[in-house]
Amino acid sequence: MSRCQCEGVEAMFNPRLVRGSLIRYRKRGPAKTTRLLTDAVRAAGVDGATLLDIGGGLGAIEHTLLAAGVISATDVDASSAYLEAAQEEATRRGLADRIVFRKGNFVDLAPEVSEADIVTLDRVLCCYDDMRSLARLSAQHAKRLYAVVYPRDEWWSRLFGRIGNVLVSLTRSQFRLFVHPQSEVEGVL
């Protein structure tokens, strides 16, 4: 992720937005894609496994999978506000001592981050300009299972991405959305 994109992530996922997301998460639970991802990972078996969640957001994946049998987790996120909220929620749930929180761009941090049995990226590729590096390095960290959720390369996803980028650019944010072709993502993985 370029410096500009990291700054865009930090600005986009600011304390106000994240606080609202945390309130909704506490009321309604994880988003649908997050539930689908964690259900699939749990079905593959998580007892005694380690987890690396890239772009962990509020920590919903860690919270769910730690409760299901994962023994420890690492959460890497470029948003300070998300990391703070994830730590707060992990503390509230009594899970904080089993999670390591790392701030920054995973591609830059990859040499310092340990491999894990399970690596997850839930709606992270769509926030990342250098999909090839992120997908390659994150997949290399997965010892057993790699789970990723990203937008389909469909006309409506591309349209939504373009409209979203126009709206975000009006705020002078450096954040951008990306709809990477599925064939390219699968080619890297």
N, C-alpha and C. Protein backbone atom coordinates (compact mmCIF):
# COMPACT_ATOMS: atom_id res chain seq x y z
N MET A 1 0.86 -1.16 0.00
CA MET A 1 0.00 0.00 0.00
C MET A 1 0.90 1.22 0.00
N SER A 2 0.66 2.09 -0.91
CA SER A 2 1.47 3.30 -0.98
C SER A 2 1.22 4.15 0.26
N ARG A 3 2.15 5.05 0.49
CA ARG A 3 2.00 5.97 1.63
C ARG A 3 0.68 6.71 1.54
N CYS A 4 0.34 7.18 0.34
CA CYS A 4 -0.91 7.91 0.16
C CYS A 4 -2.12 7.05 0.52
N GLN A 5 -2.11 5.78 0.07
CA GLN A 5 -3.23 4.90 0.37
C GLN A 5 -3.33 4.63 1.87
N CYS A 6 -2.19 4.45 2.55
CA CYS A 6 -2.22 4.25 4.01
C CYS A 6 -2.81 5.48 4.69
N GLU A 7 -2.41 6.64 4.25
CA GLU A 7 -2.97 7.87 4.81
C GLU A 7 -4.46 7.95 4.53
N GLY A 8 -4.86 7.49 3.35
CA GLY A 8 -6.28 7.48 3.00
C GLY A 8 -7.07 6.54 3.88
N VAL A 9 -6.50 5.37 4.19
CA VAL A 9 -7.16 4.41 5.09
C VAL A 9 -7.32 5.03 6.48
N GLU A 10 -6.27 5.66 6.96
CA GLU A 10 -6.29 6.29 8.29
C GLU A 10 -7.37 7.36 8.35
N ALA A 11 -7.47 8.17 7.29
CA ALA A 11 -8.47 9.24 7.27
C ALA A 11 -9.89 8.69 7.09
N MET A 12 -10.05 7.70 6.22
CA MET A 12 -11.37 7.15 5.93
C MET A 12 -11.96 6.45 7.15
N PHE A 13 -11.16 5.60 7.77
CA PHE A 13 -11.63 4.83 8.91
C PHE A 13 -11.22 5.55 10.19
N ASN A 14 -11.84 6.69 10.38
CA ASN A 14 -11.52 7.59 11.48
C ASN A 14 -12.30 7.23 12.74
N PRO A 15 -11.94 7.83 13.88
CA PRO A 15 -12.61 7.46 15.14
C PRO A 15 -14.13 7.58 15.10
N ARG A 16 -14.66 8.58 14.45
CA ARG A 16 -16.12 8.76 14.41
C ARG A 16 -16.79 7.62 13.66
N LEU A 17 -16.28 7.29 12.47
CA LEU A 17 -16.85 6.19 11.69
C LEU A 17 -16.71 4.87 12.44
N VAL A 18 -15.55 4.64 13.00
CA VAL A 18 -15.29 3.38 13.69
C VAL A 18 -16.16 3.24 14.94
N ARG A 19 -16.37 4.32 15.67
CA ARG A 19 -17.22 4.26 16.87
C ARG A 19 -18.63 3.84 16.49
N GLY A 20 -19.16 4.39 15.40
CA GLY A 20 -20.49 3.98 14.92
C GLY A 20 -20.51 2.52 14.51
N SER A 21 -19.45 2.07 13.85
CA SER A 21 -19.35 0.66 13.45
C SER A 21 -19.31 -0.25 14.67
N LEU A 22 -18.60 0.15 15.70
CA LEU A 22 -18.51 -0.65 16.92
C LEU A 22 -19.87 -0.76 17.61
N ILE A 23 -20.61 0.32 17.65
CA ILE A 23 -21.95 0.29 18.24
C ILE A 23 -22.85 -0.68 17.47
N ARG A 24 -22.82 -0.60 16.12
CA ARG A 24 -23.62 -1.52 15.30
C ARG A 24 -23.17 -2.97 15.49
N TYR A 25 -21.87 -3.19 15.57
CA TYR A 25 -21.34 -4.55 15.76
C TYR A 25 -21.81 -5.13 17.09
N ARG A 26 -21.81 -4.33 18.12
CA ARG A 26 -22.26 -4.82 19.43
C ARG A 26 -23.75 -5.12 19.44
N LYS A 27 -24.52 -4.42 18.63
CA LYS A 27 -25.96 -4.66 18.56
C LYS A 27 -26.31 -5.83 17.63
N ARG A 28 -25.66 -5.87 16.46
CA ARG A 28 -26.07 -6.81 15.41
C ARG A 28 -25.09 -7.93 15.13
N GLY A 29 -23.88 -7.84 15.66
CA GLY A 29 -22.87 -8.84 15.35
C GLY A 29 -22.13 -8.52 14.07
N PRO A 30 -21.33 -9.46 13.61
CA PRO A 30 -20.52 -9.23 12.41
C PRO A 30 -21.36 -9.05 11.15
N ALA A 31 -20.77 -8.40 10.16
CA ALA A 31 -21.40 -8.23 8.85
C ALA A 31 -21.59 -9.60 8.19
N LYS A 32 -22.47 -9.65 7.21
CA LYS A 32 -22.80 -10.92 6.55
C LYS A 32 -21.56 -11.60 5.95
N THR A 33 -20.72 -10.84 5.24
CA THR A 33 -19.54 -11.46 4.64
C THR A 33 -18.60 -12.00 5.71
N THR A 34 -18.52 -11.31 6.82
CA THR A 34 -17.67 -11.77 7.93
C THR A 34 -18.21 -13.06 8.52
N ARG A 35 -19.53 -13.14 8.69
CA ARG A 35 -20.14 -14.38 9.18
C ARG A 35 -19.91 -15.54 8.22
N LEU A 36 -20.06 -15.28 6.92
CA LEU A 36 -19.81 -16.33 5.93
C LEU A 36 -18.37 -16.81 5.99
N LEU A 37 -17.44 -15.87 6.10
CA LEU A 37 -16.02 -16.22 6.17
C LEU A 37 -15.73 -17.04 7.42
N THR A 38 -16.19 -16.58 8.58
CA THR A 38 -15.89 -17.31 9.82
C THR A 38 -16.60 -18.66 9.86
N ASP A 39 -17.79 -18.75 9.29
CA ASP A 39 -18.48 -20.05 9.23
C ASP A 39 -17.67 -21.04 8.39
N ALA A 40 -17.15 -20.58 7.26
CA ALA A 40 -16.36 -21.46 6.39
C ALA A 40 -15.06 -21.89 7.07
N VAL A 41 -14.42 -20.95 7.76
CA VAL A 41 -13.17 -21.27 8.46
C VAL A 41 -13.44 -22.25 9.60
N ARG A 42 -14.49 -22.01 10.38
CA ARG A 42 -14.83 -22.93 11.47
C ARG A 42 -15.13 -24.32 10.94
N ALA A 43 -15.81 -24.40 9.81
CA ALA A 43 -16.14 -25.70 9.22
C ALA A 43 -14.88 -26.48 8.83
N ALA A 44 -13.81 -25.76 8.52
CA ALA A 44 -12.55 -26.41 8.16
C ALA A 44 -11.77 -26.86 9.40
N GLY A 45 -12.18 -26.38 10.58
CA GLY A 45 -11.53 -26.77 11.84
C GLY A 45 -10.53 -25.73 12.31
N VAL A 46 -10.71 -25.27 13.52
CA VAL A 46 -9.84 -24.21 14.05
C VAL A 46 -9.20 -24.57 15.40
N ASP A 47 -9.54 -25.70 15.98
CA ASP A 47 -9.02 -26.05 17.31
C ASP A 47 -7.50 -26.04 17.33
N GLY A 48 -6.94 -25.25 18.24
CA GLY A 48 -5.50 -25.19 18.42
C GLY A 48 -4.76 -24.40 17.36
N ALA A 49 -5.46 -23.76 16.45
CA ALA A 49 -4.83 -23.03 15.35
C ALA A 49 -4.44 -21.62 15.77
N THR A 50 -3.53 -21.05 14.99
CA THR A 50 -3.17 -19.64 15.13
C THR A 50 -3.81 -18.89 13.97
N LEU A 51 -4.06 -17.59 14.18
CA LEU A 51 -4.77 -16.77 13.19
C LEU A 51 -4.00 -15.49 12.91
N LEU A 52 -3.93 -15.12 11.65
CA LEU A 52 -3.45 -13.81 11.21
C LEU A 52 -4.59 -13.17 10.45
N ASP A 53 -5.12 -12.07 10.99
CA ASP A 53 -6.22 -11.36 10.35
C ASP A 53 -5.68 -10.03 9.85
N ILE A 54 -5.64 -9.87 8.55
CA ILE A 54 -5.10 -8.66 7.93
C ILE A 54 -6.24 -7.72 7.62
N GLY A 55 -6.12 -6.48 8.10
CA GLY A 55 -7.21 -5.53 7.96
C GLY A 55 -8.35 -5.93 8.88
N GLY A 56 -8.00 -6.27 10.11
CA GLY A 56 -8.94 -6.86 11.06
C GLY A 56 -10.11 -6.00 11.49
N GLY A 57 -10.08 -4.72 11.21
CA GLY A 57 -11.20 -3.86 11.57
C GLY A 57 -11.51 -3.92 13.05
N LEU A 58 -12.75 -4.20 13.38
CA LEU A 58 -13.20 -4.26 14.79
C LEU A 58 -12.76 -5.52 15.50
N GLY A 59 -12.18 -6.47 14.77
CA GLY A 59 -11.73 -7.71 15.38
C GLY A 59 -12.77 -8.81 15.38
N ALA A 60 -13.82 -8.67 14.60
CA ALA A 60 -14.90 -9.66 14.60
C ALA A 60 -14.41 -11.06 14.26
N ILE A 61 -13.48 -11.17 13.33
CA ILE A 61 -12.97 -12.49 12.96
C ILE A 61 -12.21 -13.09 14.13
N GLU A 62 -11.33 -12.31 14.74
CA GLU A 62 -10.58 -12.83 15.90
C GLU A 62 -11.52 -13.24 17.03
N HIS A 63 -12.48 -12.39 17.34
CA HIS A 63 -13.40 -12.68 18.45
C HIS A 63 -14.14 -14.00 18.19
N THR A 64 -14.64 -14.15 16.98
CA THR A 64 -15.41 -15.35 16.63
C THR A 64 -14.54 -16.61 16.66
N LEU A 65 -13.37 -16.52 16.03
CA LEU A 65 -12.53 -17.72 15.91
C LEU A 65 -11.81 -18.06 17.22
N LEU A 66 -11.47 -17.07 18.03
CA LEU A 66 -10.90 -17.37 19.35
C LEU A 66 -11.93 -18.10 20.21
N ALA A 67 -13.19 -17.68 20.11
CA ALA A 67 -14.25 -18.36 20.86
C ALA A 67 -14.50 -19.77 20.34
N ALA A 68 -14.12 -20.02 19.07
CA ALA A 68 -14.36 -21.33 18.44
C ALA A 68 -13.18 -22.29 18.57
N GLY A 69 -12.06 -21.86 19.17
CA GLY A 69 -10.95 -22.79 19.35
C GLY A 69 -9.58 -22.31 18.90
N VAL A 70 -9.51 -21.19 18.19
CA VAL A 70 -8.20 -20.64 17.83
C VAL A 70 -7.49 -20.25 19.13
N ILE A 71 -6.18 -20.51 19.20
CA ILE A 71 -5.47 -20.25 20.47
C ILE A 71 -4.87 -18.85 20.56
N SER A 72 -4.49 -18.27 19.41
CA SER A 72 -3.94 -16.92 19.43
C SER A 72 -4.15 -16.27 18.07
N ALA A 73 -4.14 -14.94 18.07
CA ALA A 73 -4.39 -14.20 16.84
C ALA A 73 -3.47 -12.98 16.75
N THR A 74 -3.20 -12.60 15.52
CA THR A 74 -2.51 -11.34 15.23
C THR A 74 -3.41 -10.54 14.32
N ASP A 75 -3.62 -9.28 14.67
CA ASP A 75 -4.47 -8.37 13.91
C ASP A 75 -3.57 -7.27 13.36
N VAL A 76 -3.46 -7.17 12.03
CA VAL A 76 -2.68 -6.11 11.39
C VAL A 76 -3.66 -5.19 10.68
N ASP A 77 -3.60 -3.90 11.02
CA ASP A 77 -4.52 -2.94 10.41
C ASP A 77 -3.80 -1.60 10.21
N ALA A 78 -4.14 -0.90 9.13
CA ALA A 78 -3.56 0.41 8.84
C ALA A 78 -4.32 1.54 9.53
N SER A 79 -5.45 1.24 10.15
CA SER A 79 -6.27 2.25 10.81
C SER A 79 -6.07 2.22 12.32
N SER A 80 -5.59 3.31 12.86
CA SER A 80 -5.42 3.42 14.32
C SER A 80 -6.76 3.29 15.04
N ALA A 81 -7.78 3.91 14.46
CA ALA A 81 -9.10 3.88 15.11
C ALA A 81 -9.63 2.45 15.17
N TYR A 82 -9.47 1.68 14.10
CA TYR A 82 -9.92 0.29 14.12
C TYR A 82 -9.12 -0.53 15.13
N LEU A 83 -7.82 -0.32 15.18
CA LEU A 83 -7.02 -1.08 16.15
C LEU A 83 -7.44 -0.76 17.58
N GLU A 84 -7.68 0.50 17.87
CA GLU A 84 -8.12 0.88 19.22
C GLU A 84 -9.46 0.25 19.56
N ALA A 85 -10.39 0.28 18.61
CA ALA A 85 -11.71 -0.33 18.84
C ALA A 85 -11.60 -1.84 18.99
N ALA A 86 -10.75 -2.48 18.19
CA ALA A 86 -10.57 -3.93 18.28
C ALA A 86 -9.97 -4.30 19.64
N GLN A 87 -9.01 -3.51 20.11
CA GLN A 87 -8.43 -3.77 21.43
C GLN A 87 -9.46 -3.57 22.53
N GLU A 88 -10.25 -2.52 22.42
CA GLU A 88 -11.31 -2.27 23.40
C GLU A 88 -12.30 -3.43 23.47
N GLU A 89 -12.72 -3.90 22.29
CA GLU A 89 -13.70 -4.99 22.24
C GLU A 89 -13.07 -6.29 22.72
N ALA A 90 -11.82 -6.53 22.38
CA ALA A 90 -11.14 -7.74 22.85
C ALA A 90 -11.01 -7.73 24.36
N THR A 91 -10.72 -6.58 24.94
CA THR A 91 -10.63 -6.45 26.40
C THR A 91 -12.00 -6.71 27.02
N ARG A 92 -13.03 -6.12 26.43
CA ARG A 92 -14.40 -6.31 26.94
C ARG A 92 -14.80 -7.78 26.93
N ARG A 93 -14.33 -8.53 25.94
CA ARG A 93 -14.67 -9.95 25.80
C ARG A 93 -13.69 -10.87 26.53
N GLY A 94 -12.65 -10.30 27.14
CA GLY A 94 -11.67 -11.11 27.85
C GLY A 94 -10.71 -11.86 26.93
N LEU A 95 -10.49 -11.32 25.73
CA LEU A 95 -9.64 -11.98 24.74
C LEU A 95 -8.34 -11.24 24.46
N ALA A 96 -8.15 -10.08 25.05
CA ALA A 96 -7.02 -9.22 24.69
C ALA A 96 -5.67 -9.89 24.89
N ASP A 97 -5.55 -10.76 25.88
CA ASP A 97 -4.25 -11.40 26.13
C ASP A 97 -3.90 -12.45 25.08
N ARG A 98 -4.84 -12.76 24.17
CA ARG A 98 -4.59 -13.77 23.13
C ARG A 98 -4.43 -13.15 21.74
N ILE A 99 -4.43 -11.81 21.68
CA ILE A 99 -4.33 -11.12 20.39
C ILE A 99 -3.15 -10.14 20.42
N VAL A 100 -2.35 -10.18 19.37
CA VAL A 100 -1.29 -9.19 19.16
C VAL A 100 -1.81 -8.22 18.11
N PHE A 101 -1.75 -6.94 18.42
CA PHE A 101 -2.22 -5.90 17.50
C PHE A 101 -1.02 -5.19 16.88
N ARG A 102 -1.03 -5.08 15.55
CA ARG A 102 0.07 -4.43 14.82
C ARG A 102 -0.52 -3.36 13.91
N LYS A 103 0.00 -2.15 14.01
CA LYS A 103 -0.46 -1.06 13.15
C LYS A 103 0.47 -0.93 11.96
N GLY A 104 -0.12 -0.84 10.78
CA GLY A 104 0.66 -0.57 9.60
C GLY A 104 0.19 -1.33 8.38
N ASN A 105 0.95 -1.15 7.34
CA ASN A 105 0.71 -1.78 6.05
C ASN A 105 1.29 -3.19 6.11
N PHE A 106 0.45 -4.19 5.94
CA PHE A 106 0.92 -5.57 6.04
C PHE A 106 2.07 -5.86 5.09
N VAL A 107 2.03 -5.32 3.89
CA VAL A 107 3.10 -5.59 2.92
C VAL A 107 4.45 -5.13 3.49
N ASP A 108 4.46 -4.00 4.17
CA ASP A 108 5.70 -3.51 4.80
C ASP A 108 6.06 -4.34 6.03
N LEU A 109 5.06 -4.77 6.78
CA LEU A 109 5.29 -5.51 8.03
C LEU A 109 5.51 -7.01 7.82
N ALA A 110 5.21 -7.53 6.65
CA ALA A 110 5.22 -8.97 6.41
C ALA A 110 6.48 -9.67 6.91
N PRO A 111 7.69 -9.13 6.70
CA PRO A 111 8.87 -9.84 7.19
C PRO A 111 8.92 -9.99 8.71
N GLU A 112 8.20 -9.12 9.42
CA GLU A 112 8.22 -9.12 10.88
C GLU A 112 7.05 -9.91 11.49
N VAL A 113 6.09 -10.29 10.66
CA VAL A 113 4.87 -10.95 11.15
C VAL A 113 5.03 -12.46 10.96
N SER A 114 4.74 -13.20 12.00
CA SER A 114 4.86 -14.66 11.94
C SER A 114 3.78 -15.28 11.06
N GLU A 115 4.10 -16.41 10.48
CA GLU A 115 3.11 -17.20 9.75
C GLU A 115 2.04 -17.65 10.75
N ALA A 116 0.89 -18.03 10.21
CA ALA A 116 -0.20 -18.53 11.05
C ALA A 116 -0.87 -19.70 10.34
N ASP A 117 -1.55 -20.52 11.10
CA ASP A 117 -2.29 -21.63 10.50
C ASP A 117 -3.36 -21.11 9.56
N ILE A 118 -4.02 -20.03 9.98
CA ILE A 118 -5.13 -19.45 9.23
C ILE A 118 -4.83 -17.98 8.97
N VAL A 119 -5.00 -17.55 7.72
CA VAL A 119 -4.86 -16.14 7.36
C VAL A 119 -6.18 -15.69 6.75
N THR A 120 -6.69 -14.56 7.23
CA THR A 120 -7.96 -14.04 6.73
C THR A 120 -7.80 -12.59 6.28
N LEU A 121 -8.53 -12.26 5.21
CA LEU A 121 -8.65 -10.89 4.71
C LEU A 121 -10.11 -10.70 4.33
N ASP A 122 -10.85 -9.95 5.11
CA ASP A 122 -12.26 -9.72 4.86
C ASP A 122 -12.45 -8.29 4.34
N ARG A 123 -12.72 -8.17 3.06
CA ARG A 123 -12.92 -6.88 2.41
C ARG A 123 -11.70 -5.97 2.59
N VAL A 124 -10.53 -6.53 2.31
CA VAL A 124 -9.28 -5.78 2.41
C VAL A 124 -8.68 -5.53 1.03
N LEU A 125 -8.76 -6.51 0.15
CA LEU A 125 -8.20 -6.32 -1.19
C LEU A 125 -8.83 -5.13 -1.90
N CYS A 126 -10.08 -4.85 -1.60
CA CYS A 126 -10.77 -3.74 -2.26
C CYS A 126 -10.31 -2.37 -1.75
N CYS A 127 -9.52 -2.36 -0.69
CA CYS A 127 -8.98 -1.11 -0.14
C CYS A 127 -7.49 -0.98 -0.41
N TYR A 128 -6.98 -1.83 -1.28
CA TYR A 128 -5.54 -1.93 -1.45
C TYR A 128 -5.14 -1.76 -2.90
N ASP A 129 -4.22 -0.83 -3.15
CA ASP A 129 -3.81 -0.53 -4.52
C ASP A 129 -2.91 -1.61 -5.12
N ASP A 130 -2.04 -2.22 -4.33
CA ASP A 130 -1.10 -3.23 -4.84
C ASP A 130 -1.59 -4.62 -4.43
N MET A 131 -2.67 -5.06 -5.08
CA MET A 131 -3.28 -6.34 -4.75
C MET A 131 -2.29 -7.48 -4.88
N ARG A 132 -1.44 -7.46 -5.90
CA ARG A 132 -0.51 -8.57 -6.13
C ARG A 132 0.42 -8.79 -4.94
N SER A 133 0.99 -7.74 -4.41
CA SER A 133 1.89 -7.88 -3.25
C SER A 133 1.13 -8.34 -2.02
N LEU A 134 -0.02 -7.73 -1.77
CA LEU A 134 -0.80 -8.11 -0.59
C LEU A 134 -1.24 -9.57 -0.66
N ALA A 135 -1.78 -9.99 -1.79
CA ALA A 135 -2.25 -11.37 -1.93
C ALA A 135 -1.08 -12.35 -1.82
N ARG A 136 0.00 -12.07 -2.50
CA ARG A 136 1.15 -12.99 -2.48
C ARG A 136 1.73 -13.12 -1.08
N LEU A 137 2.00 -12.00 -0.43
CA LEU A 137 2.63 -12.05 0.90
C LEU A 137 1.69 -12.63 1.96
N SER A 138 0.42 -12.28 1.88
CA SER A 138 -0.52 -12.82 2.88
C SER A 138 -0.69 -14.32 2.69
N ALA A 139 -0.78 -14.78 1.44
CA ALA A 139 -0.92 -16.22 1.18
C ALA A 139 0.32 -16.98 1.65
N GLN A 140 1.49 -16.37 1.51
CA GLN A 140 2.72 -17.02 1.97
C GLN A 140 2.75 -17.20 3.49
N HIS A 141 1.97 -16.41 4.20
CA HIS A 141 1.91 -16.51 5.67
C HIS A 141 0.95 -17.58 6.16
N ALA A 142 0.16 -18.15 5.26
CA ALA A 142 -0.84 -19.16 5.64
C ALA A 142 -0.23 -20.54 5.61
N LYS A 143 -0.18 -21.20 6.77
CA LYS A 143 0.37 -22.55 6.84
C LYS A 143 -0.67 -23.60 6.46
N ARG A 144 -1.96 -23.30 6.71
CA ARG A 144 -2.98 -24.31 6.47
C ARG A 144 -4.18 -23.80 5.68
N LEU A 145 -4.67 -22.62 6.02
CA LEU A 145 -5.92 -22.15 5.44
C LEU A 145 -5.81 -20.65 5.14
N TYR A 146 -6.30 -20.27 3.97
CA TYR A 146 -6.31 -18.87 3.54
C TYR A 146 -7.74 -18.52 3.15
N ALA A 147 -8.32 -17.52 3.79
CA ALA A 147 -9.70 -17.14 3.52
C ALA A 147 -9.77 -15.65 3.20
N VAL A 148 -10.37 -15.35 2.06
CA VAL A 148 -10.41 -13.96 1.60
C VAL A 148 -11.79 -13.64 1.04
N VAL A 149 -12.26 -12.43 1.34
CA VAL A 149 -13.51 -11.92 0.79
C VAL A 149 -13.17 -10.62 0.07
N TYR A 150 -13.59 -10.53 -1.20
CA TYR A 150 -13.38 -9.30 -1.97
C TYR A 150 -14.51 -9.17 -2.98
N PRO A 151 -14.73 -7.95 -3.50
CA PRO A 151 -15.85 -7.76 -4.42
C PRO A 151 -15.65 -8.53 -5.73
N ARG A 152 -16.75 -9.03 -6.24
CA ARG A 152 -16.72 -9.69 -7.55
C ARG A 152 -16.41 -8.66 -8.62
N ASP A 153 -15.73 -9.10 -9.64
CA ASP A 153 -15.43 -8.24 -10.78
C ASP A 153 -16.63 -8.26 -11.72
N GLU A 154 -17.68 -7.56 -11.32
CA GLU A 154 -18.92 -7.46 -12.10
C GLU A 154 -19.11 -5.99 -12.46
N TRP A 155 -19.93 -5.72 -13.45
CA TRP A 155 -20.13 -4.35 -13.89
C TRP A 155 -20.64 -3.47 -12.76
N TRP A 156 -21.55 -4.01 -11.95
CA TRP A 156 -22.12 -3.22 -10.86
C TRP A 156 -21.10 -2.94 -9.76
N SER A 157 -20.17 -3.87 -9.52
CA SER A 157 -19.11 -3.63 -8.53
C SER A 157 -18.17 -2.54 -9.03
N ARG A 158 -17.81 -2.62 -10.31
CA ARG A 158 -16.93 -1.59 -10.88
C ARG A 158 -17.61 -0.23 -10.85
N LEU A 159 -18.93 -0.19 -11.17
CA LEU A 159 -19.67 1.06 -11.13
C LEU A 159 -19.71 1.62 -9.71
N PHE A 160 -20.03 0.76 -8.74
CA PHE A 160 -20.06 1.18 -7.33
C PHE A 160 -18.70 1.73 -6.92
N GLY A 161 -17.62 1.05 -7.34
CA GLY A 161 -16.27 1.50 -7.01
C GLY A 161 -15.97 2.86 -7.60
N ARG A 162 -16.35 3.05 -8.85
CA ARG A 162 -16.11 4.35 -9.50
C ARG A 162 -16.89 5.47 -8.80
N ILE A 163 -18.17 5.21 -8.53
CA ILE A 163 -18.99 6.22 -7.85
C ILE A 163 -18.42 6.50 -6.47
N GLY A 164 -18.06 5.45 -5.74
CA GLY A 164 -17.47 5.62 -4.42
C GLY A 164 -16.19 6.44 -4.47
N ASN A 165 -15.35 6.18 -5.45
CA ASN A 165 -14.10 6.93 -5.58
C ASN A 165 -14.34 8.40 -5.92
N VAL A 166 -15.35 8.68 -6.74
CA VAL A 166 -15.69 10.07 -7.04
C VAL A 166 -16.15 10.77 -5.76
N LEU A 167 -17.04 10.12 -5.02
CA LEU A 167 -17.54 10.73 -3.78
C LEU A 167 -16.42 10.95 -2.76
N VAL A 168 -15.55 9.96 -2.63
CA VAL A 168 -14.44 10.08 -1.68
C VAL A 168 -13.47 11.17 -2.11
N SER A 169 -13.24 11.27 -3.42
CA SER A 169 -12.30 12.30 -3.91
C SER A 169 -12.82 13.71 -3.64
N LEU A 170 -14.14 13.87 -3.56
CA LEU A 170 -14.72 15.18 -3.25
C LEU A 170 -14.32 15.65 -1.85
N THR A 171 -14.00 14.72 -0.98
CA THR A 171 -13.57 15.07 0.38
C THR A 171 -12.05 15.28 0.44
N ARG A 172 -11.38 15.15 -0.72
CA ARG A 172 -9.93 15.28 -0.84
C ARG A 172 -9.18 14.14 -0.13
N SER A 173 -9.88 13.06 0.12
CA SER A 173 -9.26 11.89 0.73
C SER A 173 -8.40 11.18 -0.30
N GLN A 174 -7.34 10.55 0.17
CA GLN A 174 -6.48 9.75 -0.70
C GLN A 174 -6.94 8.30 -0.75
N PHE A 175 -7.97 7.96 -0.01
CA PHE A 175 -8.51 6.60 -0.01
C PHE A 175 -9.16 6.32 -1.36
N ARG A 176 -9.00 5.10 -1.84
CA ARG A 176 -9.64 4.65 -3.07
C ARG A 176 -10.11 3.21 -2.91
N LEU A 177 -11.17 2.88 -3.64
CA LEU A 177 -11.68 1.52 -3.71
C LEU A 177 -11.14 0.86 -4.98
N PHE A 178 -10.97 -0.46 -4.91
CA PHE A 178 -10.45 -1.20 -6.06
C PHE A 178 -11.28 -2.46 -6.26
N VAL A 179 -11.62 -2.73 -7.50
CA VAL A 179 -12.27 -3.98 -7.86
C VAL A 179 -11.27 -4.71 -8.76
N HIS A 180 -10.52 -5.60 -8.13
CA HIS A 180 -9.49 -6.34 -8.85
C HIS A 180 -10.13 -7.51 -9.59
N PRO A 181 -9.72 -7.75 -10.84
CA PRO A 181 -10.27 -8.89 -11.58
C PRO A 181 -10.02 -10.22 -10.85
N GLN A 182 -11.06 -11.02 -10.73
CA GLN A 182 -10.96 -12.29 -10.02
C GLN A 182 -9.85 -13.16 -10.60
N SER A 183 -9.69 -13.15 -11.91
CA SER A 183 -8.65 -13.98 -12.54
C SER A 183 -7.26 -13.54 -12.09
N GLU A 184 -7.07 -12.24 -11.88
CA GLU A 184 -5.76 -11.76 -11.40
C GLU A 184 -5.52 -12.16 -9.96
N VAL A 185 -6.55 -12.04 -9.12
CA VAL A 185 -6.42 -12.43 -7.71
C VAL A 185 -6.10 -13.93 -7.65
N GLU A 186 -6.89 -14.73 -8.34
CA GLU A 186 -6.66 -16.19 -8.33
C GLU A 186 -5.32 -16.55 -8.93
N GLY A 187 -4.86 -15.78 -9.92
CA GLY A 187 -3.56 -16.03 -10.52
C GLY A 187 -2.42 -15.83 -9.52
N VAL A 188 -2.55 -14.83 -8.68
CA VAL A 188 -1.54 -14.59 -7.65
C VAL A 188 -1.62 -15.66 -6.58
N LEU A 189 -2.82 -16.03 -6.17
CA LEU A 189 -2.97 -17.00 -5.10
C LEU A 189 -2.62 -18.39 -5.58
